[in-house]
Protein backbone atom coordinates (compact mmCIF):
# COMPACT_ATOMS: atom_id res chain seq x y z
CA MET A 1 109.86 -148.68 -102.91
CA ALA A 2 106.11 -148.26 -102.57
CA GLU A 3 104.86 -146.41 -99.52
CA GLN A 4 103.28 -148.67 -96.88
CA LYS A 5 99.53 -148.22 -96.45
CA THR A 6 98.51 -146.96 -93.04
CA TYR A 7 95.22 -147.65 -91.29
CA PRO A 8 93.69 -144.53 -89.76
CA MET A 9 91.73 -145.35 -86.62
CA THR A 10 90.58 -143.89 -83.37
CA ALA A 11 92.27 -144.84 -80.10
CA ASP A 12 89.13 -146.83 -79.18
CA GLY A 13 89.28 -148.64 -82.51
CA LYS A 14 92.89 -149.64 -81.89
CA VAL A 15 92.03 -150.97 -78.43
CA LYS A 16 89.18 -153.03 -79.90
CA LEU A 17 91.51 -154.51 -82.53
CA GLU A 18 94.08 -155.37 -79.86
CA LYS A 19 91.38 -157.14 -77.83
CA GLU A 20 90.17 -159.00 -80.93
CA LEU A 21 93.72 -160.15 -81.70
CA GLU A 22 94.19 -161.39 -78.14
CA ASP A 23 90.88 -163.29 -78.30
CA LEU A 24 91.78 -164.82 -81.66
CA LYS A 25 95.17 -166.01 -80.40
CA MET A 26 94.30 -167.02 -76.84
CA ASN A 27 90.79 -168.43 -77.26
CA LYS A 28 89.78 -169.12 -80.86
CA ARG A 29 93.08 -170.62 -82.06
CA PRO A 30 93.23 -173.24 -79.27
CA GLU A 31 89.56 -174.13 -79.88
CA VAL A 32 90.19 -174.77 -83.57
CA ILE A 33 93.34 -176.79 -82.84
CA LYS A 34 91.35 -178.95 -80.43
CA ARG A 35 88.62 -179.48 -83.08
CA ILE A 36 91.28 -180.57 -85.59
CA GLN A 37 92.76 -183.04 -83.08
CA ILE A 38 89.32 -184.50 -82.32
CA ALA A 39 88.45 -184.74 -86.02
CA ARG A 40 91.72 -186.58 -86.73
CA GLY A 41 90.51 -189.28 -84.38
CA PHE A 42 87.54 -190.01 -86.64
CA GLY A 43 89.73 -191.94 -89.08
CA ASP A 44 90.37 -191.51 -92.80
CA LEU A 45 91.16 -187.79 -93.34
CA SER A 46 90.29 -187.93 -97.06
CA GLU A 47 86.60 -188.46 -96.26
CA ASN A 48 86.42 -186.60 -92.94
CA SER A 49 84.13 -183.58 -93.25
CA GLU A 50 84.70 -182.53 -89.63
CA TYR A 51 88.43 -182.40 -90.28
CA GLU A 52 87.99 -180.42 -93.51
CA SER A 53 85.64 -177.98 -91.78
CA ALA A 54 88.06 -177.44 -88.89
CA LYS A 55 91.00 -176.94 -91.31
CA ASP A 56 88.95 -174.38 -93.28
CA GLU A 57 88.11 -172.56 -90.04
CA GLN A 58 91.78 -172.60 -89.06
CA SER A 59 92.73 -171.09 -92.40
CA MET A 60 90.19 -168.26 -92.03
CA LEU A 61 91.27 -167.67 -88.43
CA GLU A 62 94.96 -167.45 -89.32
CA SER A 63 94.12 -165.10 -92.18
CA ARG A 64 92.19 -162.81 -89.80
CA ILE A 65 95.05 -162.88 -87.27
CA THR A 66 97.51 -161.85 -90.00
CA THR A 67 95.19 -159.06 -91.17
CA VAL A 68 94.66 -157.66 -87.66
CA GLU A 69 98.38 -157.84 -86.87
CA HIS A 70 99.14 -155.95 -90.09
CA MET A 71 96.51 -153.29 -89.34
CA LEU A 72 97.88 -152.79 -85.84
CA GLN A 73 101.47 -152.64 -87.10
CA TYR A 74 100.56 -149.84 -89.52
CA ALA A 75 97.88 -148.18 -87.38
CA ASP A 76 97.70 -144.41 -87.59
CA VAL A 77 95.84 -143.32 -84.46
CA VAL A 78 94.12 -140.05 -85.29
CA ASP A 79 94.72 -137.16 -82.92
CA ASN A 80 92.26 -134.32 -83.42
CA ASN A 81 94.11 -131.86 -81.16
CA GLY A 82 95.56 -130.10 -84.20
CA THR A 83 92.24 -129.64 -86.01
CA ASP A 84 89.55 -127.03 -85.51
CA GLU A 85 86.66 -128.12 -83.29
CA ASP A 86 84.18 -127.61 -86.12
CA GLU A 87 86.23 -129.37 -88.84
CA VAL A 88 85.19 -132.82 -90.05
CA ASN A 89 87.92 -135.40 -89.45
CA VAL A 90 88.36 -139.07 -88.57
CA GLY A 91 87.20 -139.62 -85.00
CA LYS A 92 84.56 -136.90 -85.13
CA LYS A 93 80.79 -137.09 -85.19
CA VAL A 94 79.20 -135.04 -87.95
CA THR A 95 75.57 -134.07 -88.42
CA PHE A 96 74.47 -132.91 -91.87
CA LYS A 97 71.36 -132.70 -93.95
CA GLU A 98 70.86 -133.26 -97.62
CA LEU A 99 69.64 -130.11 -99.32
CA PRO A 100 67.13 -128.73 -99.83
CA ASP A 101 65.08 -130.19 -96.97
CA GLU A 102 65.98 -133.73 -95.91
CA GLU A 103 66.13 -134.87 -92.29
CA PRO A 104 69.51 -134.49 -90.51
CA GLU A 105 71.79 -137.53 -90.40
CA THR A 106 74.58 -138.12 -87.90
CA TYR A 107 77.63 -140.33 -88.44
CA THR A 108 80.93 -140.88 -86.71
CA ILE A 109 83.80 -141.01 -89.18
CA VAL A 110 86.21 -143.80 -88.33
CA GLY A 111 88.93 -145.81 -90.03
CA ALA A 112 87.87 -148.67 -92.29
CA ALA A 113 88.85 -151.22 -89.63
CA GLU A 114 86.19 -149.98 -87.22
CA ALA A 115 83.42 -149.01 -89.64
CA ASP A 116 79.93 -150.21 -88.68
CA PRO A 117 77.26 -148.36 -90.66
CA MET A 118 74.44 -150.00 -88.68
CA SER A 119 75.68 -148.24 -85.55
CA GLY A 120 76.41 -144.93 -87.31
CA LYS A 121 80.15 -145.40 -87.88
CA ILE A 122 81.24 -144.86 -91.48
CA SER A 123 84.66 -145.44 -92.99
CA ASN A 124 86.85 -142.51 -93.90
CA ASP A 125 87.12 -144.24 -97.30
CA SER A 126 83.35 -144.07 -97.94
CA PRO A 127 82.12 -141.54 -100.51
CA ILE A 128 80.16 -139.55 -97.92
CA ALA A 129 83.09 -139.32 -95.48
CA LYS A 130 85.54 -138.43 -98.26
CA GLY A 131 83.23 -135.62 -99.33
CA LEU A 132 82.89 -134.26 -95.78
CA LEU A 133 86.50 -134.52 -94.56
CA GLY A 134 88.18 -131.16 -94.05
CA HIS A 135 84.95 -129.15 -94.27
CA LYS A 136 83.42 -127.15 -91.42
CA VAL A 137 80.09 -126.36 -89.81
CA ASP A 138 77.69 -124.33 -92.01
CA GLU A 139 79.53 -125.27 -95.22
CA GLU A 140 77.53 -126.64 -98.13
CA VAL A 141 79.33 -129.52 -99.80
CA THR A 142 78.65 -131.50 -102.97
CA ILE A 143 79.40 -135.19 -102.45
CA SER A 144 79.81 -137.66 -105.30
CA ILE A 145 78.13 -140.96 -104.45
CA PRO A 146 77.42 -143.93 -106.74
CA ALA A 147 73.84 -142.71 -107.30
CA GLY A 148 75.06 -139.26 -108.40
CA ASP A 149 75.89 -136.02 -106.62
CA MET A 150 74.22 -134.91 -103.42
CA LYS A 151 74.47 -131.50 -101.84
CA VAL A 152 74.61 -131.35 -98.04
CA LYS A 153 74.94 -128.73 -95.36
CA ILE A 154 77.10 -129.53 -92.32
CA LEU A 155 75.10 -128.71 -89.20
CA LYS A 156 77.32 -129.86 -86.35
CA VAL A 157 80.75 -131.41 -85.75
CA GLU A 158 81.72 -132.77 -82.36
CA SER A 159 84.21 -135.07 -80.74
CA ALA A 160 83.09 -138.70 -80.97
CA SER A 161 84.33 -139.61 -77.52
């Protein structure tokens, strides 16, 4: 039997997913059900765009609920107590610079479920994170990215919390 995929995430990321799931079930689902009931009252369902729109929204909502439940069921909350303080891992903030002389960049490495590049959180599945994971401060690392290889130096690793 194939091994079940796990979803690495920080403790904060798991809490956020749990809150999202609660909101989807307790608030969003009843809203969509109410919209469907109202749209049914508009008559012929075959030509009722409000009904079709609400049913589409319900389908997307139920899909998201299923996805979040699955991610929580197979969540792998990362505990960095067993790793060195200066080792890059999920749940840590890493500062590096592209060599020879680019400006330093700082990212927090998180699980794919909580990635948000616009706020500096990159997925552990991203090429940059994959290239950095397991390396330590002062190491020079070659990272394969879609545009080619880039060489970086790790300047600082710290706890993200």
